[in-house]
Amino acid sequence: MNIDSPEVTVSKSQEELFNVLSDVKNFEKLMPANINKFEMLNEKRFLFALSGMPEIVLELKSTEPFNKVILGAASDKLPFTLTANLTKVDDNTTTAQLVFEGQFNAMMGMMIKGPITNFIGTLTENMSKL
């Protein structure tokens, strides 16, 4: 399953936005209002829970300075990645898009597509407010 967020414009340089997203503690600022829990587990890993969803542990998997930040599920039970693609517009403006890629059976995919689409949409929208 692949879900692409809308592209948003962020009033930060590409390098600055990359640095913000590469520091996973900053994802707490991007979380939706219905977050029940956010906990840093180490410098590359955090746990979060939204209303009505199980806890999820995300970790920084890799980066491609200053173009890409890839987070992934720490558990093999729900294998997915969340990639932030960053494109320089000018020295103080960057466009960003989140891409969710997961391997789920058809039933699980139907159950989570709506909530995941809303979740990455909110993350992206909040990124534009940084």
Protein backbone atom coordinates (compact mmCIF):
# COMPACT_ATOMS: atom_id res chain seq x y z
CA MET A 1 0.00 0.00 0.00
CA ASN A 2 1.33 3.40 -1.00
CA ILE A 3 -0.15 6.69 0.19
CA ASP A 4 1.24 10.06 -0.88
CA SER A 5 0.42 13.18 1.11
CA PRO A 6 -0.32 16.45 -0.61
CA GLU A 7 2.82 18.52 -1.23
CA VAL A 8 3.18 21.48 1.14
CA THR A 9 5.38 24.55 1.12
CA VAL A 10 7.46 25.15 4.23
CA SER A 11 9.11 28.49 5.03
CA LYS A 12 12.46 26.93 5.86
CA SER A 13 15.56 26.21 3.83
CA GLN A 14 15.88 22.64 2.57
CA GLU A 15 18.80 22.04 4.96
CA GLU A 16 16.92 23.49 7.93
CA LEU A 17 13.80 21.37 7.29
CA PHE A 18 15.96 18.29 6.76
CA ASN A 19 17.66 18.89 10.13
CA VAL A 20 14.30 19.33 11.89
CA LEU A 21 12.93 16.07 10.46
CA SER A 22 16.16 14.14 11.05
CA ASP A 23 15.80 14.86 14.79
CA VAL A 24 12.91 12.53 15.59
CA LYS A 25 11.94 14.33 18.82
CA ASN A 26 10.57 17.10 16.55
CA PHE A 27 7.84 14.74 15.31
CA GLU A 28 5.95 15.44 18.55
CA LYS A 29 5.27 18.95 17.13
CA LEU A 30 3.83 17.41 13.95
CA MET A 31 1.45 14.95 15.63
CA PRO A 32 -2.33 15.32 15.36
CA ALA A 33 -4.36 16.80 18.22
CA ASN A 34 -5.75 13.35 19.10
CA ILE A 35 -2.36 12.02 20.19
CA ASN A 36 -2.59 10.08 23.46
CA LYS A 37 1.10 9.35 23.93
CA PHE A 38 4.49 10.43 22.60
CA GLU A 39 7.64 9.02 24.16
CA MET A 40 11.26 9.21 23.05
CA LEU A 41 12.89 5.76 23.33
CA ASN A 42 16.34 6.87 22.16
CA GLU A 43 17.79 9.50 19.82
CA LYS A 44 16.50 7.67 16.72
CA ARG A 45 13.32 6.03 17.98
CA PHE A 46 9.98 7.18 19.38
CA LEU A 47 6.66 5.67 20.37
CA PHE A 48 3.30 7.29 19.76
CA ALA A 49 -0.36 6.40 20.13
CA LEU A 50 -3.41 8.05 18.63
CA SER A 51 -6.98 7.66 19.85
CA GLY A 52 -8.37 4.34 18.69
CA MET A 53 -5.07 3.02 17.34
CA PRO A 54 -2.36 0.80 18.84
CA GLU A 55 1.00 2.20 19.93
CA ILE A 56 3.49 2.47 17.08
CA VAL A 57 7.26 2.70 17.38
CA LEU A 58 9.00 4.61 14.59
CA GLU A 59 12.72 4.87 14.07
CA LEU A 60 14.98 6.84 11.80
CA LYS A 61 16.06 4.33 9.14
CA SER A 62 18.13 6.49 6.81
CA THR A 63 18.64 9.96 5.38
CA GLU A 64 19.78 11.48 2.12
CA PRO A 65 21.02 14.99 2.95
CA PHE A 66 19.12 17.31 2.33
CA ASN A 67 16.52 15.57 0.17
CA LYS A 68 15.05 12.68 2.13
CA VAL A 69 14.33 11.42 5.65
CA ILE A 70 13.10 7.83 6.00
CA LEU A 71 11.38 6.58 9.13
CA GLY A 72 10.21 3.00 9.53
CA ALA A 73 8.29 0.79 11.87
CA ALA A 74 10.49 -0.76 14.52
CA SER A 75 8.30 -3.88 14.53
CA ASP A 76 8.05 -6.46 11.75
CA LYS A 77 4.36 -6.96 12.62
CA LEU A 78 3.40 -3.78 10.73
CA PRO A 79 6.18 -3.30 8.16
CA PHE A 80 6.10 0.20 6.69
CA THR A 81 8.19 3.26 5.93
CA LEU A 82 7.34 6.94 6.03
CA THR A 83 9.54 8.99 3.72
CA ALA A 84 9.77 12.78 3.72
CA ASN A 85 10.80 14.03 0.28
CA LEU A 86 12.19 17.58 0.39
CA THR A 87 12.64 19.83 -2.64
CA LYS A 88 14.34 23.22 -2.58
CA VAL A 89 12.25 26.07 -3.96
CA ASP A 90 14.64 28.86 -2.98
CA ASP A 91 17.02 29.65 -0.11
CA ASN A 92 14.16 30.03 2.40
CA THR A 93 11.45 27.78 1.00
CA THR A 94 11.10 24.02 0.61
CA THR A 95 8.32 21.77 -0.60
CA ALA A 96 7.72 18.58 1.34
CA GLN A 97 5.72 15.45 0.69
CA LEU A 98 5.29 12.37 2.88
CA VAL A 99 5.09 8.94 1.27
CA PHE A 100 3.79 5.96 3.25
CA GLU A 101 4.70 2.48 1.97
CA GLY A 102 3.54 -0.63 3.77
CA GLN A 103 3.14 -4.35 3.25
CA PHE A 104 -0.28 -5.38 4.53
CA ASN A 105 -2.85 -8.02 3.68
CA ALA A 106 -5.99 -6.78 1.92
CA MET A 107 -8.15 -6.76 5.07
CA MET A 108 -5.59 -4.84 7.13
CA GLY A 109 -5.06 -2.43 4.24
CA MET A 110 -8.77 -1.61 4.09
CA MET A 111 -8.90 -1.02 7.84
CA ILE A 112 -5.90 1.30 8.07
CA LYS A 113 -5.98 3.22 4.77
CA GLY A 114 -8.34 5.96 6.03
CA PRO A 115 -6.62 6.55 9.38
CA ILE A 116 -3.13 6.47 7.81
CA THR A 117 -4.17 8.88 5.04
CA ASN A 118 -5.55 11.30 7.66
CA PHE A 119 -2.44 10.86 9.83
CA ILE A 120 0.11 11.67 7.11
CA GLY A 121 -2.11 14.51 5.91
CA THR A 122 -1.99 16.04 9.40
CA LEU A 123 1.77 15.53 9.69
CA THR A 124 2.26 17.29 6.36
CA GLU A 125 -0.12 20.12 7.22
CA ASN A 126 1.64 20.66 10.56
CA MET A 127 5.01 20.64 8.78
CA SER A 128 3.90 23.72 6.84
CA LYS A 129 3.40 25.51 10.17
CA LEU A 130 6.91 24.88 11.50
